[in-house]
Amino acid sequence: MFLFGIKTSLDVVYPAIEQSKNALVFWKLPKWDTSRVGCGDVIGVKACPNGDNKPKLLHQRCFRPECPVCYQAWGNREANRVVERLEAGEKLYHSEGKKLYRVRHIVFSPEQNTALELMGSVDGFKKLRCECNSVIKKAGLLGGCIIFHSHRKDIVDGVAVWFYSPHFHVLGYGYLINSDKFYVVSGGWIYKNKGVRNTVKGTISYLLTHSGLGYVEGIRVFHSVTWFGIFGYSRMVIKSVVRKVVYEQCEVCNADLHSYDVSYCNDKKDYSDRDNWQDLGYYVRVIRVRSFMLRNYKRHSNNIQLKIGCG
């Protein structure tokens, strides 16, 4: 596929503002910017004090999608949050007698000429995203998350080439109507059912590594992950947020892992000189634990029952 008769290269990804003179949004891919000072530097080691496990290096991260060093760490962190909400939703609806079965990965693609024009402005992309929410429900899905991709990749003469081709990756629950019928009722959208994934977290993390990042005057203006249907913000809300201190145990002897300063090591490549490690005490992490609740469940429960019964 070509965009206006040309393809953009991996090294030169042209912003979406070139689609129209009145466009307001620049679309870029993760890791497009430069890293900050210290990104990726080794800041320590976590290891068993008894020497029973394999030590793991600790790296400094900025957790920005723009960073070429830390963008995968950003994707992993966002994937953890998505999985947390999906698993919580499954349990909440199961407690109400509604089994959602396993989440599936489906790709929804709009009519490209119209979509390319809409994604060039803030209002246009909001319209496109709202239309996506609508057609997803027409396809039969009850709820889940959406990740927008502004580009697709192709291989031309052995070189990876990214070109504009807006589409939406959905991890959702429910059934899917026939693809031919969907094309008609959606007004030209198509879908590709990739089915149940081996690992939901891995799929989300991978999708985020090349998700579309929209900028207006250098400021990112859209969330990379949005929610719809029974997992939407109006149907499933955060009940509480608690910060929790977590200790990690050795997988061999179950001893609490320790954190070590390795700045005194002579070998800065593998830091294997354990005699020069400085014990800093227990290795701890502070994590955010969210609990969720269903809002206005009784008002929507009949509609959920009817849709599940059609699957």
Protein backbone atom coordinates (compact mmCIF):
# COMPACT_ATOMS: atom_id res chain seq x y z
CA MET A 1 0.00 0.00 0.00
CA PHE A 2 1.12 3.53 -0.73
CA LEU A 3 0.25 6.79 0.90
CA PHE A 4 -0.20 9.45 -1.79
CA GLY A 5 1.99 7.38 -4.10
CA ILE A 6 4.99 7.14 -1.73
CA LYS A 7 6.14 5.19 1.28
CA THR A 8 7.98 6.61 4.25
CA SER A 9 11.15 4.97 5.53
CA LEU A 10 11.88 3.68 9.02
CA ASP A 11 14.36 6.48 9.62
CA VAL A 12 12.16 9.26 8.21
CA VAL A 13 8.58 8.99 9.46
CA TYR A 14 6.77 12.05 8.21
CA PRO A 15 4.24 13.64 10.58
CA ALA A 16 0.55 13.37 9.83
CA ILE A 17 0.32 17.14 9.63
CA GLU A 18 1.52 16.86 6.01
CA GLN A 19 -1.79 15.25 5.10
CA SER A 20 -3.53 18.62 5.20
CA LYS A 21 -2.60 22.27 5.48
CA ASN A 22 -5.08 22.65 8.34
CA ALA A 23 -3.94 19.56 10.28
CA LEU A 24 -3.06 20.05 13.92
CA VAL A 25 -1.73 16.65 15.03
CA PHE A 26 1.71 15.18 14.42
CA TRP A 27 1.72 11.37 14.54
CA LYS A 28 4.91 9.63 15.50
CA LEU A 29 6.06 6.21 16.62
CA PRO A 30 7.63 5.39 20.00
CA LYS A 31 11.38 5.87 20.52
CA TRP A 32 11.51 8.81 18.10
CA ASP A 33 13.19 11.19 20.57
CA THR A 34 16.59 11.18 22.27
CA SER A 35 17.14 9.55 25.64
CA ARG A 36 17.71 11.51 28.82
CA VAL A 37 20.97 11.54 30.72
CA GLY A 38 21.33 8.28 32.62
CA CYS A 39 18.64 6.30 30.81
CA GLY A 40 19.64 2.65 30.75
CA ASP A 41 22.52 3.08 33.18
CA VAL A 42 23.06 0.29 35.68
CA ILE A 43 22.09 1.61 39.13
CA GLY A 44 22.44 -1.59 41.10
CA VAL A 45 21.83 -5.31 41.33
CA LYS A 46 19.14 -7.35 43.05
CA ALA A 47 20.32 -10.76 44.19
CA CYS A 48 19.96 -13.43 46.84
CA PRO A 49 22.17 -12.72 49.88
CA ASN A 50 23.02 -16.43 49.94
CA GLY A 51 24.16 -16.41 46.32
CA ASP A 52 21.54 -18.98 45.29
CA ASN A 53 19.95 -17.15 42.35
CA LYS A 54 21.15 -15.36 39.23
CA PRO A 55 21.66 -11.64 39.97
CA LYS A 56 19.63 -9.18 37.94
CA LEU A 57 20.87 -5.75 36.95
CA LEU A 58 18.73 -2.73 37.82
CA HIS A 59 18.57 0.04 35.22
CA GLN A 60 17.55 3.67 35.42
CA ARG A 61 14.34 4.32 33.44
CA CYS A 62 12.43 7.46 32.48
CA PHE A 63 9.34 5.48 31.32
CA ARG A 64 8.67 7.74 28.34
CA PRO A 65 7.37 6.25 25.06
CA GLU A 66 9.57 8.73 23.18
CA CYS A 67 12.80 7.40 24.71
CA PRO A 68 14.72 4.94 22.50
CA VAL A 69 16.14 3.28 25.62
CA CYS A 70 13.11 3.16 27.94
CA TYR A 71 10.13 2.84 25.57
CA GLN A 72 9.85 -0.91 26.18
CA ALA A 73 9.85 -0.35 29.94
CA TRP A 74 7.00 2.14 29.39
CA GLY A 75 5.14 -0.47 27.33
CA ASN A 76 5.59 -3.13 30.00
CA ARG A 77 4.32 -0.84 32.74
CA GLU A 78 1.27 0.17 30.72
CA ALA A 79 0.61 -3.48 29.87
CA ASN A 80 0.60 -4.36 33.56
CA ARG A 81 -2.04 -1.71 34.18
CA VAL A 82 -4.19 -2.96 31.30
CA VAL A 83 -4.00 -6.56 32.51
CA GLU A 84 -4.85 -5.40 36.03
CA ARG A 85 -8.09 -3.80 34.79
CA LEU A 86 -9.01 -6.71 32.51
CA GLU A 87 -8.53 -9.30 35.26
CA ALA A 88 -10.42 -7.18 37.78
CA GLY A 89 -13.30 -6.77 35.32
CA GLU A 90 -13.48 -10.51 34.68
CA LYS A 91 -13.77 -11.17 38.42
CA LEU A 92 -16.36 -8.44 38.98
CA TYR A 93 -18.65 -9.62 36.21
CA HIS A 94 -18.14 -13.25 37.19
CA SER A 95 -19.26 -12.36 40.72
CA GLU A 96 -22.47 -11.04 39.15
CA GLY A 97 -22.99 -14.30 37.27
CA LYS A 98 -21.68 -13.05 33.89
CA LYS A 99 -18.84 -15.16 32.53
CA LEU A 100 -16.91 -13.28 29.84
CA TYR A 101 -14.68 -16.13 28.68
CA ARG A 102 -11.24 -15.34 27.29
CA VAL A 103 -10.19 -12.02 25.83
CA ARG A 104 -9.53 -11.93 22.09
CA HIS A 105 -7.37 -9.74 19.85
CA ILE A 106 -9.15 -8.15 16.87
CA VAL A 107 -7.85 -5.51 14.45
CA PHE A 108 -10.40 -2.99 13.12
CA SER A 109 -9.51 -0.93 10.05
CA PRO A 110 -11.59 2.00 8.74
CA GLU A 111 -11.90 3.22 5.17
CA GLN A 112 -8.41 4.62 4.71
CA ASN A 113 -8.93 7.84 2.76
CA THR A 114 -11.44 9.21 5.24
CA ALA A 115 -9.44 8.01 8.24
CA LEU A 116 -6.23 9.61 6.98
CA GLU A 117 -8.02 12.94 6.72
CA LEU A 118 -9.64 12.68 10.14
CA MET A 119 -6.48 11.74 12.04
CA GLY A 120 -4.83 15.01 11.01
CA SER A 121 -6.69 17.08 13.60
CA VAL A 122 -7.70 16.71 17.23
CA ASP A 123 -11.43 16.92 16.54
CA GLY A 124 -11.09 14.65 13.53
CA PHE A 125 -9.31 11.93 15.46
CA LYS A 126 -11.86 12.14 18.28
CA LYS A 127 -14.56 11.60 15.67
CA LEU A 128 -12.66 8.64 14.22
CA ARG A 129 -12.18 7.09 17.67
CA CYS A 130 -15.86 7.54 18.53
CA GLU A 131 -16.79 5.87 15.26
CA CYS A 132 -14.45 3.01 16.15
CA ASN A 133 -16.20 2.55 19.50
CA SER A 134 -19.52 2.42 17.69
CA VAL A 135 -18.52 -0.14 15.06
CA ILE A 136 -16.80 -2.34 17.64
CA LYS A 137 -20.09 -2.67 19.47
CA LYS A 138 -21.88 -3.37 16.19
CA ALA A 139 -19.40 -6.20 15.63
CA GLY A 140 -20.66 -7.79 18.84
CA LEU A 141 -17.95 -7.05 21.39
CA LEU A 142 -19.06 -6.20 24.92
CA GLY A 143 -16.02 -4.32 26.15
CA GLY A 144 -12.25 -4.17 26.41
CA CYS A 145 -9.36 -1.88 25.50
CA ILE A 146 -8.34 -0.11 22.29
CA ILE A 147 -4.82 0.73 21.08
CA PHE A 148 -4.55 3.02 18.06
CA HIS A 149 -1.88 2.47 15.41
CA SER A 150 -1.21 5.29 12.98
CA HIS A 151 1.25 3.29 10.85
CA ARG A 152 1.81 -0.14 9.37
CA LYS A 153 5.10 -1.75 8.47
CA ASP A 154 6.09 -3.33 5.19
CA ILE A 155 9.35 -4.79 3.89
CA VAL A 156 10.58 -3.22 0.65
CA ASP A 157 13.83 -4.53 -0.84
CA GLY A 158 14.78 -5.91 2.55
CA VAL A 159 14.20 -2.58 4.33
CA ALA A 160 11.51 -1.98 6.96
CA VAL A 161 9.20 0.79 5.79
CA TRP A 162 6.54 2.46 7.92
CA PHE A 163 3.59 4.12 6.16
CA TYR A 164 0.39 5.78 7.29
CA SER A 165 -2.46 3.30 7.68
CA PRO A 166 -4.69 4.07 10.68
CA HIS A 167 -6.23 1.06 12.45
CA PHE A 168 -7.28 0.01 15.94
CA HIS A 169 -6.15 -3.03 17.92
CA VAL A 170 -8.81 -4.28 20.32
CA LEU A 171 -8.53 -6.76 23.14
CA GLY A 172 -12.11 -7.47 24.00
CA TYR A 173 -14.81 -9.86 25.11
CA GLY A 174 -17.88 -11.05 23.25
CA TYR A 175 -18.78 -12.53 19.90
CA LEU A 176 -18.21 -11.33 16.32
CA ILE A 177 -20.83 -11.12 13.60
CA ASN A 178 -20.02 -12.29 10.08
CA SER A 179 -17.32 -10.13 8.48
CA ASP A 180 -19.37 -9.46 5.32
CA LYS A 181 -22.35 -8.33 7.38
CA PHE A 182 -20.06 -6.19 9.52
CA TYR A 183 -18.64 -4.45 6.45
CA VAL A 184 -22.15 -3.37 5.49
CA VAL A 185 -23.47 -2.30 8.91
CA SER A 186 -20.24 -0.46 9.79
CA GLY A 187 -20.09 1.57 6.59
CA GLY A 188 -16.88 0.11 5.16
CA TRP A 189 -14.88 -1.01 8.20
CA ILE A 190 -13.22 -4.41 8.19
CA TYR A 191 -11.86 -6.58 10.99
CA LYS A 192 -9.28 -9.33 11.36
CA ASN A 193 -9.78 -11.76 14.20
CA LYS A 194 -6.41 -12.79 15.64
CA GLY A 195 -8.09 -14.91 18.29
CA VAL A 196 -7.04 -15.75 21.83
CA ARG A 197 -3.43 -14.82 22.60
CA ASN A 198 -0.91 -16.94 24.50
CA THR A 199 -0.10 -13.99 26.76
CA VAL A 200 -2.31 -10.91 27.03
CA LYS A 201 0.40 -8.83 28.70
CA GLY A 202 2.93 -9.70 26.01
CA THR A 203 0.48 -8.78 23.26
CA ILE A 204 -0.33 -5.40 24.81
CA SER A 205 3.31 -4.62 25.49
CA TYR A 206 4.22 -5.43 21.88
CA LEU A 207 1.35 -3.36 20.47
CA LEU A 208 2.42 -0.34 22.50
CA THR A 209 5.97 -0.45 21.11
CA HIS A 210 4.65 0.82 17.77
CA SER A 211 1.41 2.54 18.78
CA GLY A 212 0.47 5.94 17.39
CA LEU A 213 1.59 8.94 19.44
CA GLY A 214 -0.26 12.16 18.59
CA TYR A 215 1.32 15.55 19.33
CA VAL A 216 0.07 19.11 19.19
CA GLU A 217 2.85 21.69 19.46
CA GLY A 218 5.14 19.07 20.96
CA ILE A 219 2.68 17.89 23.62
CA ARG A 220 1.21 14.38 23.47
CA VAL A 221 -2.56 14.77 23.50
CA PHE A 222 -4.07 11.28 23.30
CA HIS A 223 -3.93 8.26 25.57
CA SER A 224 -2.29 5.20 24.06
CA VAL A 225 -4.90 2.90 25.65
CA THR A 226 -8.63 3.64 25.90
CA TRP A 227 -11.56 1.56 27.16
CA PHE A 228 -15.02 0.83 25.80
CA GLY A 229 -18.24 -0.99 26.63
CA ILE A 230 -18.55 -2.78 29.94
CA PHE A 231 -14.90 -1.95 30.69
CA GLY A 232 -15.41 1.74 29.92
CA TYR A 233 -14.82 4.48 32.47
CA SER A 234 -18.55 5.00 33.03
CA ARG A 235 -19.22 1.32 33.71
CA MET A 236 -16.15 0.20 35.66
CA VAL A 237 -14.54 2.70 38.00
CA ILE A 238 -11.59 2.76 40.36
CA LYS A 239 -12.73 2.18 43.91
CA SER A 240 -9.41 2.71 45.70
CA VAL A 241 -5.69 3.06 45.06
CA VAL A 242 -3.25 1.69 47.63
CA ARG A 243 0.52 1.87 47.52
CA LYS A 244 2.11 -1.32 48.77
CA VAL A 245 5.69 -2.22 49.67
CA VAL A 246 6.69 -5.51 48.03
CA TYR A 247 9.61 -7.75 48.91
CA GLU A 248 10.90 -10.25 46.37
CA GLN A 249 12.09 -13.74 47.32
CA CYS A 250 14.79 -15.95 45.90
CA GLU A 251 13.25 -18.69 43.74
CA VAL A 252 15.75 -21.20 45.15
CA CYS A 253 15.90 -20.63 48.93
CA ASN A 254 13.00 -18.15 49.43
CA ALA A 255 15.27 -15.64 51.14
CA ASP A 256 14.37 -11.96 50.67
CA LEU A 257 16.44 -10.44 47.86
CA HIS A 258 18.88 -7.66 48.63
CA SER A 259 19.86 -4.59 46.66
CA TYR A 260 23.55 -4.00 46.00
CA ASP A 261 25.60 -1.02 44.92
CA VAL A 262 27.92 -2.14 42.09
CA SER A 263 29.66 1.16 41.41
CA TYR A 264 32.84 -0.23 42.98
CA CYS A 265 33.10 -3.18 40.57
CA ASN A 266 36.15 -3.26 38.32
CA ASP A 267 34.29 -4.88 35.41
CA LYS A 268 31.54 -2.52 34.26
CA LYS A 269 30.15 -4.97 31.70
CA ASP A 270 28.84 -7.89 33.74
CA TYR A 271 29.38 -6.71 37.34
CA SER A 272 30.28 -10.26 38.35
CA ASP A 273 32.83 -9.18 40.96
CA ARG A 274 30.57 -9.89 43.92
CA ASP A 275 33.31 -9.14 46.45
CA ASN A 276 33.01 -5.47 45.52
CA TRP A 277 29.24 -5.29 45.90
CA GLN A 278 27.95 -3.04 48.69
CA ASP A 279 24.87 -4.48 50.43
CA LEU A 280 22.15 -1.83 50.70
CA GLY A 281 19.64 -4.02 52.52
CA TYR A 282 16.39 -5.57 51.37
CA TYR A 283 15.29 -4.98 47.79
CA VAL A 284 11.83 -3.43 47.93
CA ARG A 285 9.44 -2.00 45.39
CA VAL A 286 6.50 0.30 45.95
CA ILE A 287 3.64 -0.76 43.70
CA ARG A 288 0.23 0.73 43.08
CA VAL A 289 -2.67 -1.65 43.71
CA ARG A 290 -6.05 -0.57 42.35
CA SER A 291 -9.43 -2.01 43.22
CA PHE A 292 -12.44 -1.54 40.94
CA MET A 293 -16.21 -1.53 41.19
CA LEU A 294 -19.09 -1.66 38.72
CA ARG A 295 -21.20 1.44 38.32
CA ASN A 296 -24.94 1.21 37.56
CA TYR A 297 -24.58 -2.52 36.93
CA LYS A 298 -28.27 -3.36 37.41
CA ARG A 299 -29.32 -0.79 34.82
CA HIS A 300 -27.08 -2.40 32.16
CA SER A 301 -27.24 -6.08 33.21
CA ASN A 302 -30.17 -7.04 30.98
CA ASN A 303 -28.39 -5.73 27.89
CA ILE A 304 -25.24 -7.69 28.83
CA GLN A 305 -27.29 -10.85 29.32
CA LEU A 306 -28.88 -10.54 25.88
CA LYS A 307 -25.54 -10.03 24.12
CA ILE A 308 -23.81 -12.90 25.91
CA GLY A 309 -26.72 -15.15 25.07
CA CYS A 310 -26.20 -14.50 21.35
CA GLY A 311 -22.58 -15.75 21.40
